[in-house]
Amino acid sequence: MRKKLKPIPAFPNEAAERRFWETRDSTDYVDWTSAKRARFPNLKPSTIPISLRLPVSLLERIKIAANKRDVPYQSLIKTWLAEKVERS
């Protein structure tokens, strides 16, 4: 016998929805047996711009390293930061 599902309420914002799902079992609201795998090939992670003051000489060395790798220097900085955080 199939379980009767509860209706999913309307949420005023993403934070309220997040709080709701943090305290509920989704199987009370969703029939996961009929779920299909989804692919989002063009989805990019959200980013936040920050301001970071660097000595000019350090920034120039980073730009040279990025140029040698043929990548934008900001991408190289993000890669280095991610690698460092993973090792910590």
Protein backbone atom coordinates (compact mmCIF):
# COMPACT_ATOMS: atom_id res chain seq x y z
CA MET A 1 0.00 0.00 0.00
CA ARG A 2 1.32 3.44 -0.92
CA LYS A 3 1.84 5.94 1.83
CA LYS A 4 -0.25 9.12 1.63
CA LEU A 5 2.09 12.03 1.12
CA LYS A 6 1.84 15.31 2.98
CA PRO A 7 1.58 18.48 0.85
CA ILE A 8 4.74 20.57 0.60
CA PRO A 9 3.98 24.05 1.99
CA ALA A 10 4.76 27.30 0.21
CA PHE A 11 7.82 29.01 1.65
CA PRO A 12 8.36 32.77 1.90
CA ASN A 13 12.08 32.41 1.17
CA GLU A 14 14.92 29.93 0.77
CA ALA A 15 15.99 30.20 4.40
CA ALA A 16 12.53 29.15 5.60
CA GLU A 17 12.52 26.22 3.19
CA ARG A 18 15.97 25.15 4.37
CA ARG A 19 14.82 25.24 8.03
CA PHE A 20 11.75 23.18 7.10
CA TRP A 21 13.71 20.41 5.37
CA GLU A 22 16.36 20.32 8.10
CA THR A 23 13.72 19.11 10.56
CA ARG A 24 11.57 16.86 8.33
CA ASP A 25 11.87 13.48 6.66
CA SER A 26 11.44 14.07 2.93
CA THR A 27 9.84 10.64 2.45
CA ASP A 28 6.74 12.06 4.17
CA TYR A 29 6.45 14.57 1.31
CA VAL A 30 8.07 13.00 -1.76
CA ASP A 31 7.69 9.58 -3.40
CA TRP A 32 11.35 8.88 -4.10
CA THR A 33 10.55 5.57 -5.84
CA SER A 34 9.48 7.55 -8.91
CA ALA A 35 12.46 9.92 -8.84
CA LYS A 36 14.72 10.19 -11.87
CA ARG A 37 18.36 11.26 -11.92
CA ALA A 38 18.78 14.86 -13.06
CA ARG A 39 21.78 16.41 -14.79
CA PHE A 40 22.61 20.10 -14.77
CA PRO A 41 25.67 20.41 -17.02
CA ASN A 42 25.65 24.22 -17.16
CA LEU A 43 25.07 24.82 -13.45
CA LYS A 44 27.80 26.93 -11.93
CA PRO A 45 28.38 27.25 -8.20
CA SER A 46 27.34 30.59 -6.79
CA THR A 47 30.19 32.92 -6.01
CA ILE A 48 30.63 36.05 -3.97
CA PRO A 49 33.03 38.77 -5.03
CA ILE A 50 35.53 39.78 -2.36
CA SER A 51 38.13 42.48 -2.11
CA LEU A 52 41.63 41.30 -1.27
CA ARG A 53 44.58 43.59 -0.91
CA LEU A 54 47.84 42.05 -2.10
CA PRO A 55 51.30 43.51 -2.45
CA VAL A 56 51.91 44.48 -6.07
CA SER A 57 54.93 42.20 -6.31
CA LEU A 58 52.91 39.18 -5.11
CA LEU A 59 50.12 39.88 -7.58
CA GLU A 60 52.63 40.18 -10.41
CA ARG A 61 54.20 36.82 -9.47
CA ILE A 62 50.72 35.24 -9.39
CA LYS A 63 49.93 36.69 -12.82
CA ILE A 64 53.19 35.29 -14.20
CA ALA A 65 52.41 31.84 -12.75
CA ALA A 66 48.90 32.00 -14.22
CA ASN A 67 50.26 33.06 -17.61
CA LYS A 68 52.64 30.08 -17.62
CA ARG A 69 49.65 27.79 -17.00
CA ASP A 70 47.49 29.68 -19.53
CA VAL A 71 44.72 30.34 -16.98
CA PRO A 72 43.25 33.57 -15.61
CA TYR A 73 45.09 34.66 -12.48
CA GLN A 74 41.87 34.81 -10.41
CA SER A 75 41.12 31.19 -11.34
CA LEU A 76 44.61 30.19 -10.29
CA ILE A 77 44.17 31.95 -6.93
CA LYS A 78 40.85 30.09 -6.40
CA THR A 79 42.51 26.78 -7.27
CA TRP A 80 45.39 27.38 -4.88
CA LEU A 81 43.03 28.40 -2.08
CA ALA A 82 40.84 25.32 -2.61
CA GLU A 83 43.90 23.04 -2.58
CA LYS A 84 45.19 24.63 0.62
CA VAL A 85 41.81 24.29 2.36
CA GLU A 86 41.58 20.62 1.34
CA ARG A 87 44.99 19.90 2.90
CA SER A 88 44.08 21.65 6.17
